[in-house]
Amino acid sequence: MLKNIARRLLALFGWQLIEPPQRPARAVLVGYPHTSNWDGVLALLVKLALGLDAHWVGKDSLFRWPLGGMFRRLGGIPIDRSARNGFVATMAGQFAVRREFLLVIAPEGTRSLTQGWKTGFYRIALAAEVPVALAFVDYARREAGILTHLTMTGDPATDIAAIAAHYEGRQGKYPALASPIRWLD
C-alpha cells in the first residue's frame, strides 16, 4: 500500500521514477547530489515507491529526540562524523551477516559544497564485495531513483570516473552546492 501511495505522490508532483531492470539484494547506494533537506523527503518517497528495504546513514544529531526514534524505524543509522570509529568495518560486517542489505550513503557527507567525496562508501563496497548503486534526485529533469549498479574495480581513479560519467548532467535542488565527483580523503 505504501508503495502505491509513494508512486502516486511522486507522479502527482511531476516526478518520474527511474530504476534499472536488475536489483541486487545487497549494495551500497550512493545518494548524489545532496544539496537540500528536500532530498531526504524525495529519497524516502523513492525508497517506498521502489519497495527498498534500505538503511541510510545520517549525522548522529538527527537521531535525538523528538524524531530520532522515527528515523531509526525508517532505517536510519546514526554516525558520529567527528571521530573515526570503525564505521567502514562495522558496515562491511553487516553485509557479511545479511542476505539482503541496502545501505544508503551521501558521499558528500553534507548538503553544503565540499571539495569532493568521502571514500567510506567505496571502502565499504570493496570490503563487503558488493556493488555500488547510483541513486539520485535530479530536480532539472524531475527524475529520481537508481541510475545503475556498478561493481568497483579497486582502482580508485577508474571507479570515480565511471561514477562521474553516470551522474553527468544530474542537478540537485541547488546545483552550486553539488560537490565535484572526486575523492576527498
N, C-alpha and C. Protein backbone atom coordinates (compact mmCIF):
# COMPACT_ATOMS: atom_id res chain seq x y z
N MET A 1 0.82 -1.18 0.00
CA MET A 1 0.00 0.00 0.00
C MET A 1 0.88 1.27 0.00
N LEU A 2 1.91 1.28 0.86
CA LEU A 2 2.80 2.44 0.90
C LEU A 2 3.51 2.64 -0.44
N LYS A 3 3.83 1.54 -1.10
CA LYS A 3 4.50 1.61 -2.39
C LYS A 3 3.63 2.37 -3.39
N ASN A 4 2.35 2.03 -3.45
CA ASN A 4 1.43 2.69 -4.37
C ASN A 4 1.22 4.16 -4.02
N ILE A 5 1.10 4.44 -2.73
CA ILE A 5 0.92 5.83 -2.29
C ILE A 5 2.14 6.67 -2.67
N ALA A 6 3.34 6.14 -2.43
CA ALA A 6 4.57 6.86 -2.76
C ALA A 6 4.68 7.09 -4.26
N ARG A 7 4.35 6.08 -5.05
CA ARG A 7 4.40 6.23 -6.51
C ARG A 7 3.43 7.31 -6.98
N ARG A 8 2.24 7.30 -6.40
CA ARG A 8 1.23 8.30 -6.79
C ARG A 8 1.64 9.71 -6.37
N LEU A 9 2.24 9.83 -5.19
CA LEU A 9 2.70 11.15 -4.75
C LEU A 9 3.80 11.69 -5.66
N LEU A 10 4.74 10.84 -6.00
CA LEU A 10 5.81 11.27 -6.92
C LEU A 10 5.21 11.72 -8.25
N ALA A 11 4.29 10.94 -8.79
CA ALA A 11 3.66 11.29 -10.07
C ALA A 11 2.85 12.57 -9.94
N LEU A 12 2.14 12.72 -8.83
CA LEU A 12 1.33 13.91 -8.61
C LEU A 12 2.18 15.18 -8.62
N PHE A 13 3.37 15.08 -8.06
CA PHE A 13 4.27 16.22 -8.02
C PHE A 13 5.17 16.32 -9.25
N GLY A 14 4.92 15.47 -10.25
CA GLY A 14 5.62 15.57 -11.52
C GLY A 14 6.96 14.87 -11.59
N TRP A 15 7.21 13.93 -10.68
CA TRP A 15 8.49 13.21 -10.66
C TRP A 15 8.34 11.87 -11.37
N GLN A 16 9.38 11.52 -12.14
CA GLN A 16 9.44 10.22 -12.79
C GLN A 16 10.39 9.33 -12.01
N LEU A 17 9.97 8.10 -11.77
CA LEU A 17 10.76 7.13 -11.02
C LEU A 17 11.62 6.33 -11.98
N ILE A 18 12.92 6.22 -11.69
CA ILE A 18 13.88 5.52 -12.55
C ILE A 18 14.50 4.37 -11.76
N GLU A 19 14.57 3.21 -12.40
CA GLU A 19 15.26 2.07 -11.78
C GLU A 19 15.73 1.12 -12.87
N PRO A 20 16.97 0.62 -12.75
CA PRO A 20 17.44 -0.37 -13.73
C PRO A 20 16.67 -1.68 -13.55
N PRO A 21 16.66 -2.53 -14.57
CA PRO A 21 15.84 -3.75 -14.51
C PRO A 21 16.27 -4.76 -13.43
N GLN A 22 17.55 -4.86 -13.17
CA GLN A 22 18.04 -5.82 -12.18
C GLN A 22 18.38 -5.09 -10.89
N ARG A 23 18.05 -5.71 -9.76
CA ARG A 23 18.37 -5.11 -8.46
C ARG A 23 19.07 -6.15 -7.59
N PRO A 24 20.32 -5.89 -7.21
CA PRO A 24 21.00 -6.83 -6.32
C PRO A 24 20.39 -6.78 -4.92
N ALA A 25 20.49 -7.88 -4.20
CA ALA A 25 19.94 -7.95 -2.85
C ALA A 25 20.80 -7.16 -1.86
N ARG A 26 22.07 -6.99 -2.20
CA ARG A 26 22.99 -6.25 -1.32
C ARG A 26 23.76 -5.24 -2.15
N ALA A 27 23.81 -4.00 -1.66
CA ALA A 27 24.54 -2.95 -2.37
C ALA A 27 24.70 -1.74 -1.46
N VAL A 28 25.70 -0.94 -1.78
CA VAL A 28 25.84 0.38 -1.17
C VAL A 28 25.22 1.36 -2.16
N LEU A 29 24.21 2.09 -1.72
CA LEU A 29 23.55 3.08 -2.57
C LEU A 29 24.15 4.45 -2.28
N VAL A 30 24.68 5.07 -3.30
CA VAL A 30 25.24 6.41 -3.18
C VAL A 30 24.15 7.39 -3.56
N GLY A 31 23.86 8.35 -2.69
CA GLY A 31 22.87 9.38 -2.97
C GLY A 31 23.54 10.68 -3.36
N TYR A 32 23.36 11.08 -4.63
CA TYR A 32 24.02 12.30 -5.14
C TYR A 32 23.13 12.92 -6.21
N PRO A 33 23.07 14.20 -6.35
CA PRO A 33 23.64 15.22 -5.47
C PRO A 33 22.77 15.42 -4.23
N HIS A 34 23.39 15.84 -3.15
CA HIS A 34 22.68 16.07 -1.89
C HIS A 34 22.87 17.54 -1.54
N THR A 35 21.91 18.38 -1.95
CA THR A 35 22.07 19.83 -1.79
C THR A 35 20.95 20.48 -0.99
N SER A 36 19.97 19.68 -0.54
CA SER A 36 18.80 20.25 0.13
C SER A 36 18.21 19.23 1.10
N ASN A 37 17.52 19.73 2.12
CA ASN A 37 16.78 18.84 3.01
C ASN A 37 15.67 18.12 2.26
N TRP A 38 15.16 18.71 1.19
CA TRP A 38 14.11 18.07 0.40
C TRP A 38 14.59 16.78 -0.24
N ASP A 39 15.90 16.64 -0.42
CA ASP A 39 16.44 15.39 -0.98
C ASP A 39 16.03 14.20 -0.12
N GLY A 40 16.05 14.39 1.20
CA GLY A 40 15.68 13.31 2.11
C GLY A 40 14.22 12.92 1.97
N VAL A 41 13.35 13.91 1.81
CA VAL A 41 11.92 13.65 1.63
C VAL A 41 11.69 12.87 0.34
N LEU A 42 12.31 13.35 -0.75
CA LEU A 42 12.17 12.66 -2.02
C LEU A 42 12.80 11.27 -1.98
N ALA A 43 13.94 11.14 -1.33
CA ALA A 43 14.59 9.83 -1.21
C ALA A 43 13.71 8.85 -0.45
N LEU A 44 13.02 9.32 0.58
CA LEU A 44 12.10 8.45 1.33
C LEU A 44 10.97 7.99 0.42
N LEU A 45 10.41 8.89 -0.37
CA LEU A 45 9.35 8.51 -1.31
C LEU A 45 9.87 7.49 -2.33
N VAL A 46 11.09 7.70 -2.82
CA VAL A 46 11.69 6.76 -3.78
C VAL A 46 11.89 5.40 -3.11
N LYS A 47 12.39 5.41 -1.88
CA LYS A 47 12.59 4.16 -1.14
C LYS A 47 11.28 3.38 -1.04
N LEU A 48 10.22 4.08 -0.69
CA LEU A 48 8.91 3.43 -0.56
C LEU A 48 8.38 3.00 -1.92
N ALA A 49 8.49 3.88 -2.92
CA ALA A 49 7.96 3.59 -4.26
C ALA A 49 8.64 2.39 -4.91
N LEU A 50 9.93 2.22 -4.65
CA LEU A 50 10.67 1.08 -5.22
C LEU A 50 10.61 -0.15 -4.32
N GLY A 51 10.02 0.01 -3.15
CA GLY A 51 9.94 -1.12 -2.22
C GLY A 51 11.29 -1.52 -1.68
N LEU A 52 12.17 -0.56 -1.47
CA LEU A 52 13.51 -0.85 -0.98
C LEU A 52 13.52 -0.95 0.54
N ASP A 53 14.07 -2.01 1.06
CA ASP A 53 14.31 -2.13 2.49
C ASP A 53 15.71 -1.60 2.74
N ALA A 54 15.84 -0.29 2.58
CA ALA A 54 17.16 0.34 2.64
C ALA A 54 17.39 1.00 3.99
N HIS A 55 18.64 0.93 4.41
CA HIS A 55 19.09 1.62 5.62
C HIS A 55 19.93 2.80 5.16
N TRP A 56 19.88 3.88 5.90
CA TRP A 56 20.60 5.08 5.48
C TRP A 56 21.41 5.63 6.65
N VAL A 57 22.48 6.30 6.29
CA VAL A 57 23.41 6.86 7.26
C VAL A 57 23.11 8.35 7.39
N GLY A 58 23.05 8.83 8.63
CA GLY A 58 22.84 10.25 8.88
C GLY A 58 23.64 10.70 10.08
N LYS A 59 23.90 11.99 10.15
CA LYS A 59 24.65 12.51 11.30
C LYS A 59 23.90 12.22 12.58
N ASP A 60 24.64 11.93 13.64
CA ASP A 60 24.03 11.49 14.89
C ASP A 60 23.06 12.50 15.49
N SER A 61 23.23 13.78 15.20
CA SER A 61 22.33 14.78 15.77
C SER A 61 20.90 14.64 15.24
N LEU A 62 20.71 14.00 14.09
CA LEU A 62 19.36 13.76 13.57
C LEU A 62 18.58 12.77 14.42
N PHE A 63 19.29 11.95 15.18
CA PHE A 63 18.67 10.84 15.89
C PHE A 63 18.35 11.16 17.35
N ARG A 64 18.32 12.42 17.65
CA ARG A 64 17.93 12.85 19.00
C ARG A 64 16.42 13.04 19.06
N TRP A 65 15.92 13.16 20.28
CA TRP A 65 14.50 13.40 20.48
C TRP A 65 14.12 14.72 19.83
N PRO A 66 13.01 14.88 19.18
CA PRO A 66 11.83 14.01 19.17
C PRO A 66 11.75 13.08 17.95
N LEU A 67 12.62 13.24 16.95
CA LEU A 67 12.49 12.48 15.71
C LEU A 67 13.40 11.25 15.62
N GLY A 68 14.31 11.10 16.57
CA GLY A 68 15.29 10.03 16.49
C GLY A 68 14.69 8.64 16.36
N GLY A 69 13.69 8.33 17.16
CA GLY A 69 13.05 7.01 17.10
C GLY A 69 12.42 6.75 15.74
N MET A 70 11.75 7.75 15.21
CA MET A 70 11.11 7.60 13.90
C MET A 70 12.18 7.38 12.81
N PHE A 71 13.28 8.14 12.87
CA PHE A 71 14.32 7.99 11.86
C PHE A 71 14.95 6.59 11.93
N ARG A 72 15.11 6.05 13.13
CA ARG A 72 15.65 4.68 13.25
C ARG A 72 14.68 3.67 12.64
N ARG A 73 13.38 3.83 12.89
CA ARG A 73 12.38 2.92 12.32
C ARG A 73 12.34 3.01 10.80
N LEU A 74 12.71 4.17 10.26
CA LEU A 74 12.76 4.34 8.81
C LEU A 74 14.07 3.85 8.20
N GLY A 75 14.90 3.20 9.01
CA GLY A 75 16.14 2.61 8.51
C GLY A 75 17.38 3.42 8.77
N GLY A 76 17.27 4.48 9.56
CA GLY A 76 18.41 5.35 9.82
C GLY A 76 19.45 4.73 10.73
N ILE A 77 20.69 5.01 10.42
CA ILE A 77 21.84 4.57 11.21
C ILE A 77 22.64 5.82 11.55
N PRO A 78 22.73 6.19 12.84
CA PRO A 78 23.48 7.39 13.20
C PRO A 78 24.99 7.18 13.09
N ILE A 79 25.67 8.24 12.68
CA ILE A 79 27.13 8.19 12.61
C ILE A 79 27.68 9.47 13.23
N ASP A 80 28.70 9.28 14.06
CA ASP A 80 29.42 10.41 14.66
C ASP A 80 30.51 10.81 13.68
N ARG A 81 30.30 11.91 12.98
CA ARG A 81 31.24 12.33 11.94
C ARG A 81 32.49 12.98 12.51
N SER A 82 32.50 13.24 13.82
CA SER A 82 33.65 13.92 14.40
C SER A 82 34.78 12.97 14.80
N ALA A 83 34.50 11.66 14.75
CA ALA A 83 35.52 10.70 15.19
C ALA A 83 35.57 9.51 14.25
N ARG A 84 36.73 8.95 14.09
CA ARG A 84 36.88 7.70 13.34
C ARG A 84 36.61 6.57 14.32
N ASN A 85 35.60 5.75 13.98
CA ASN A 85 35.16 4.74 14.95
C ASN A 85 34.94 3.37 14.33
N GLY A 86 35.60 3.08 13.22
CA GLY A 86 35.48 1.76 12.61
C GLY A 86 34.18 1.55 11.85
N PHE A 87 33.59 2.63 11.38
CA PHE A 87 32.30 2.54 10.70
C PHE A 87 32.38 1.67 9.45
N VAL A 88 33.44 1.81 8.66
CA VAL A 88 33.57 1.01 7.44
C VAL A 88 33.57 -0.48 7.78
N ALA A 89 34.36 -0.89 8.75
CA ALA A 89 34.42 -2.30 9.14
C ALA A 89 33.08 -2.78 9.70
N THR A 90 32.42 -1.93 10.48
CA THR A 90 31.12 -2.30 11.05
C THR A 90 30.10 -2.54 9.94
N MET A 91 30.04 -1.64 8.97
CA MET A 91 29.07 -1.78 7.88
C MET A 91 29.42 -2.96 6.97
N ALA A 92 30.70 -3.16 6.69
CA ALA A 92 31.11 -4.32 5.90
C ALA A 92 30.70 -5.60 6.63
N GLY A 93 30.80 -5.60 7.95
CA GLY A 93 30.36 -6.74 8.75
C GLY A 93 28.87 -6.99 8.63
N GLN A 94 28.08 -5.93 8.52
CA GLN A 94 26.63 -6.08 8.34
C GLN A 94 26.33 -6.80 7.02
N PHE A 95 27.06 -6.46 5.99
CA PHE A 95 26.86 -7.15 4.71
C PHE A 95 27.22 -8.63 4.83
N ALA A 96 28.22 -8.94 5.65
CA ALA A 96 28.66 -10.33 5.79
C ALA A 96 27.60 -11.20 6.46
N VAL A 97 26.77 -10.62 7.32
CA VAL A 97 25.80 -11.43 8.08
C VAL A 97 24.37 -11.31 7.55
N ARG A 98 24.15 -10.52 6.52
CA ARG A 98 22.80 -10.34 5.99
C ARG A 98 22.73 -10.78 4.53
N ARG A 99 21.71 -11.55 4.22
CA ARG A 99 21.50 -11.96 2.82
C ARG A 99 21.01 -10.80 1.97
N GLU A 100 20.27 -9.88 2.60
CA GLU A 100 19.79 -8.69 1.91
C GLU A 100 20.14 -7.48 2.76
N PHE A 101 20.82 -6.51 2.15
CA PHE A 101 21.17 -5.30 2.87
C PHE A 101 21.49 -4.20 1.87
N LEU A 102 20.75 -3.12 1.94
CA LEU A 102 20.99 -1.95 1.11
C LEU A 102 21.35 -0.81 2.05
N LEU A 103 22.49 -0.19 1.83
CA LEU A 103 22.98 0.88 2.69
C LEU A 103 23.12 2.15 1.86
N VAL A 104 22.38 3.20 2.25
CA VAL A 104 22.39 4.47 1.53
C VAL A 104 23.34 5.44 2.22
N ILE A 105 24.24 6.02 1.44
CA ILE A 105 25.21 6.99 1.96
C ILE A 105 25.29 8.17 1.00
N ALA A 106 25.30 9.38 1.56
CA ALA A 106 25.57 10.58 0.75
C ALA A 106 27.07 10.81 0.83
N PRO A 107 27.80 10.57 -0.26
CA PRO A 107 29.26 10.64 -0.20
C PRO A 107 29.82 12.04 0.06
N GLU A 108 28.99 13.06 -0.14
CA GLU A 108 29.44 14.41 0.16
C GLU A 108 29.49 14.63 1.67
N GLY A 109 28.66 13.87 2.40
CA GLY A 109 28.66 13.97 3.86
C GLY A 109 27.92 15.18 4.40
N THR A 110 27.36 16.00 3.53
CA THR A 110 26.70 17.23 3.94
C THR A 110 25.90 17.77 2.76
N ARG A 111 25.03 18.74 3.04
CA ARG A 111 24.31 19.42 1.97
C ARG A 111 25.11 20.60 1.43
N SER A 112 26.17 20.95 2.09
CA SER A 112 27.00 22.09 1.69
C SER A 112 28.04 21.66 0.67
N LEU A 113 28.56 22.63 -0.06
CA LEU A 113 29.61 22.37 -1.04
C LEU A 113 30.87 21.89 -0.33
N THR A 114 31.43 20.80 -0.81
CA THR A 114 32.71 20.30 -0.32
C THR A 114 33.66 20.20 -1.52
N GLN A 115 34.90 19.87 -1.26
CA GLN A 115 35.88 19.76 -2.33
C GLN A 115 35.83 18.43 -3.06
N GLY A 116 35.05 17.48 -2.54
CA GLY A 116 34.95 16.16 -3.17
C GLY A 116 34.17 15.20 -2.30
N TRP A 117 34.29 13.93 -2.62
CA TRP A 117 33.53 12.87 -1.95
C TRP A 117 34.38 12.16 -0.90
N LYS A 118 33.75 11.81 0.20
CA LYS A 118 34.39 10.95 1.19
C LYS A 118 34.41 9.53 0.63
N THR A 119 35.36 8.74 1.06
CA THR A 119 35.56 7.42 0.46
C THR A 119 34.94 6.27 1.24
N GLY A 120 34.23 6.56 2.31
CA GLY A 120 33.66 5.49 3.13
C GLY A 120 32.79 4.52 2.35
N PHE A 121 31.91 5.03 1.51
CA PHE A 121 31.02 4.15 0.74
C PHE A 121 31.83 3.21 -0.14
N TYR A 122 32.90 3.74 -0.72
CA TYR A 122 33.75 2.97 -1.63
C TYR A 122 34.48 1.86 -0.87
N ARG A 123 35.03 2.22 0.28
CA ARG A 123 35.74 1.24 1.09
C ARG A 123 34.79 0.17 1.62
N ILE A 124 33.56 0.54 1.97
CA ILE A 124 32.56 -0.44 2.41
C ILE A 124 32.25 -1.41 1.27
N ALA A 125 31.97 -0.86 0.08
CA ALA A 125 31.63 -1.71 -1.07
C ALA A 125 32.76 -2.69 -1.40
N LEU A 126 34.00 -2.22 -1.37
CA LEU A 126 35.13 -3.10 -1.66
C LEU A 126 35.28 -4.18 -0.58
N ALA A 127 35.20 -3.77 0.68
CA ALA A 127 35.38 -4.72 1.79
C ALA A 127 34.27 -5.76 1.81
N ALA A 128 33.04 -5.34 1.49
CA ALA A 128 31.90 -6.25 1.53
C ALA A 128 31.71 -6.99 0.21
N GLU A 129 32.46 -6.58 -0.81
CA GLU A 129 32.35 -7.17 -2.14
C GLU A 129 30.92 -7.08 -2.68
N VAL A 130 30.36 -5.86 -2.59
CA VAL A 130 29.02 -5.59 -3.10
C VAL A 130 29.09 -4.44 -4.11
N PRO A 131 28.12 -4.36 -5.02
CA PRO A 131 28.12 -3.26 -5.98
C PRO A 131 27.72 -1.94 -5.34
N VAL A 132 27.98 -0.88 -6.07
CA VAL A 132 27.55 0.46 -5.69
C VAL A 132 26.39 0.83 -6.61
N ALA A 133 25.26 1.17 -6.00
CA ALA A 133 24.09 1.64 -6.76
C ALA A 133 24.13 3.16 -6.77
N LEU A 134 23.92 3.75 -7.92
CA LEU A 134 23.97 5.20 -8.06
C LEU A 134 22.55 5.76 -7.98
N ALA A 135 22.17 6.18 -6.78
CA ALA A 135 20.85 6.77 -6.55
C ALA A 135 20.95 8.28 -6.76
N PHE A 136 19.83 8.90 -7.13
CA PHE A 136 19.87 10.32 -7.46
C PHE A 136 18.50 10.96 -7.31
N VAL A 137 18.52 12.27 -7.16
CA VAL A 137 17.35 13.12 -7.26
C VAL A 137 17.76 14.26 -8.20
N ASP A 138 17.16 14.31 -9.38
CA ASP A 138 17.51 15.30 -10.40
C ASP A 138 16.35 16.29 -10.52
N TYR A 139 16.53 17.47 -9.96
CA TYR A 139 15.47 18.47 -9.96
C TYR A 139 15.24 19.06 -11.35
N ALA A 140 16.27 19.14 -12.18
CA ALA A 140 16.11 19.71 -13.52
C ALA A 140 15.20 18.84 -14.38
N ARG A 141 15.40 17.53 -14.31
CA ARG A 141 14.59 16.60 -15.11
C ARG A 141 13.36 16.08 -14.36
N ARG A 142 13.32 16.35 -13.04
CA ARG A 142 12.26 15.83 -12.16
C ARG A 142 12.24 14.30 -12.24
N GLU A 143 13.43 13.73 -12.11
CA GLU A 143 13.60 12.28 -12.08
C GLU A 143 14.29 11.91 -10.78
N ALA A 144 13.96 10.74 -10.27
CA ALA A 144 14.60 10.24 -9.05
C ALA A 144 14.60 8.72 -9.10
N GLY A 145 15.60 8.13 -8.47
CA GLY A 145 15.66 6.67 -8.42
C GLY A 145 17.09 6.18 -8.42
N ILE A 146 17.32 5.12 -9.18
CA ILE A 146 18.64 4.49 -9.27
C ILE A 146 19.05 4.43 -10.73
N LEU A 147 20.21 5.00 -11.03
CA LEU A 147 20.70 5.02 -12.41
C LEU A 147 21.22 3.65 -12.85
N THR A 148 22.08 3.05 -12.03
CA THR A 148 22.71 1.79 -12.38
C THR A 148 23.38 1.21 -11.14
N HIS A 149 23.88 0.00 -11.28
CA HIS A 149 24.70 -0.66 -10.25
C HIS A 149 26.06 -0.92 -10.86
N LEU A 150 27.12 -0.53 -10.15
CA LEU A 150 28.48 -0.71 -10.65
C LEU A 150 29.28 -1.58 -9.69
N THR A 151 30.05 -2.48 -10.25
CA THR A 151 30.99 -3.26 -9.45
C THR A 151 32.31 -2.48 -9.43
N MET A 152 32.80 -2.18 -8.26
CA MET A 152 34.04 -1.40 -8.12
C MET A 152 35.22 -2.29 -8.47
N THR A 153 36.19 -1.71 -9.17
CA THR A 153 37.36 -2.46 -9.63
C THR A 153 38.48 -2.50 -8.60
N GLY A 154 38.46 -1.55 -7.67
CA GLY A 154 39.56 -1.41 -6.73
C GLY A 154 40.57 -0.37 -7.20
N ASP A 155 40.41 0.12 -8.41
CA ASP A 155 41.24 1.20 -8.93
C ASP A 155 40.45 2.50 -8.73
N PRO A 156 40.82 3.29 -7.71
CA PRO A 156 40.02 4.48 -7.37
C PRO A 156 39.81 5.45 -8.54
N ALA A 157 40.81 5.67 -9.36
CA ALA A 157 40.68 6.61 -10.47
C ALA A 157 39.67 6.10 -11.50
N THR A 158 39.74 4.83 -11.82
CA THR A 158 38.80 4.23 -12.78
C THR A 158 37.39 4.26 -12.23
N ASP A 159 37.25 3.90 -10.96
CA ASP A 159 35.92 3.81 -10.37
C ASP A 159 35.25 5.17 -10.24
N ILE A 160 35.98 6.20 -9.80
CA ILE A 160 35.36 7.52 -9.66
C ILE A 160 35.01 8.10 -11.02
N ALA A 161 35.80 7.79 -12.04
CA ALA A 161 35.49 8.25 -13.40
C ALA A 161 34.20 7.61 -13.91
N ALA A 162 34.02 6.32 -13.63
CA ALA A 162 32.80 5.62 -14.06
C ALA A 162 31.58 6.21 -13.34
N ILE A 163 31.73 6.47 -12.05
CA ILE A 163 30.63 7.06 -11.28
C ILE A 163 30.29 8.44 -11.83
N ALA A 164 31.31 9.26 -12.06
CA ALA A 164 31.09 10.62 -12.57
C ALA A 164 30.39 10.60 -13.92
N ALA A 165 30.74 9.66 -14.78
CA ALA A 165 30.12 9.58 -16.11
C ALA A 165 28.62 9.34 -15.99
N HIS A 166 28.21 8.50 -15.05
CA HIS A 166 26.78 8.21 -14.88
C HIS A 166 26.01 9.39 -14.31
N TYR A 167 26.66 10.17 -13.46
CA TYR A 167 25.98 11.32 -12.85
C TYR A 167 26.06 12.59 -13.70
N GLU A 168 26.75 12.54 -14.81
CA GLU A 168 26.90 13.72 -15.67
C GLU A 168 25.54 14.35 -15.99
N GLY A 169 25.42 15.63 -15.72
CA GLY A 169 24.21 16.37 -16.05
C GLY A 169 23.09 16.30 -15.03
N ARG A 170 23.26 15.52 -13.96
CA ARG A 170 22.22 15.42 -12.92
C ARG A 170 22.36 16.63 -12.00
N GLN A 171 21.23 17.27 -11.68
CA GLN A 171 21.27 18.50 -10.89
C GLN A 171 20.48 18.38 -9.60
N GLY A 172 21.10 18.82 -8.53
CA GLY A 172 20.42 18.91 -7.25
C GLY A 172 19.53 20.14 -7.21
N LYS A 173 18.81 20.31 -6.13
CA LYS A 173 17.94 21.47 -5.97
C LYS A 173 18.74 22.76 -6.07
N TYR A 174 19.93 22.75 -5.48
CA TYR A 174 20.84 23.90 -5.53
C TYR A 174 22.13 23.46 -6.20
N PRO A 175 22.19 23.52 -7.53
CA PRO A 175 23.35 22.98 -8.27
C PRO A 175 24.70 23.51 -7.80
N ALA A 176 24.75 24.75 -7.34
CA ALA A 176 26.03 25.32 -6.90
C ALA A 176 26.56 24.63 -5.65
N LEU A 177 25.72 23.88 -4.94
CA LEU A 177 26.15 23.19 -3.72
C LEU A 177 26.57 21.74 -3.98
N ALA A 178 26.42 21.26 -5.21
CA ALA A 178 26.81 19.88 -5.54
C ALA A 178 28.33 19.79 -5.60
N SER A 179 28.87 18.95 -4.76
CA SER A 179 30.33 18.79 -4.71
C SER A 179 30.83 18.07 -5.96
N PRO A 180 32.04 18.41 -6.40
CA PRO A 180 32.58 17.69 -7.56
C PRO A 180 32.79 16.22 -7.23
N ILE A 181 32.63 15.38 -8.24
CA ILE A 181 32.78 13.94 -8.03
C ILE A 181 34.25 13.61 -8.18
N ARG A 182 34.94 13.65 -7.06
CA ARG A 182 36.36 13.28 -6.97
C ARG A 182 36.63 12.91 -5.52
N TRP A 183 37.68 12.15 -5.29
CA TRP A 183 37.98 11.69 -3.93
C TRP A 183 38.46 12.83 -3.06
N LEU A 184 37.94 12.86 -1.84
CA LEU A 184 38.32 13.88 -0.88
C LEU A 184 39.43 13.38 0.05
N ASP A 185 39.23 12.18 0.59
CA ASP A 185 40.22 11.67 1.56
C ASP A 185 40.85 10.38 1.12
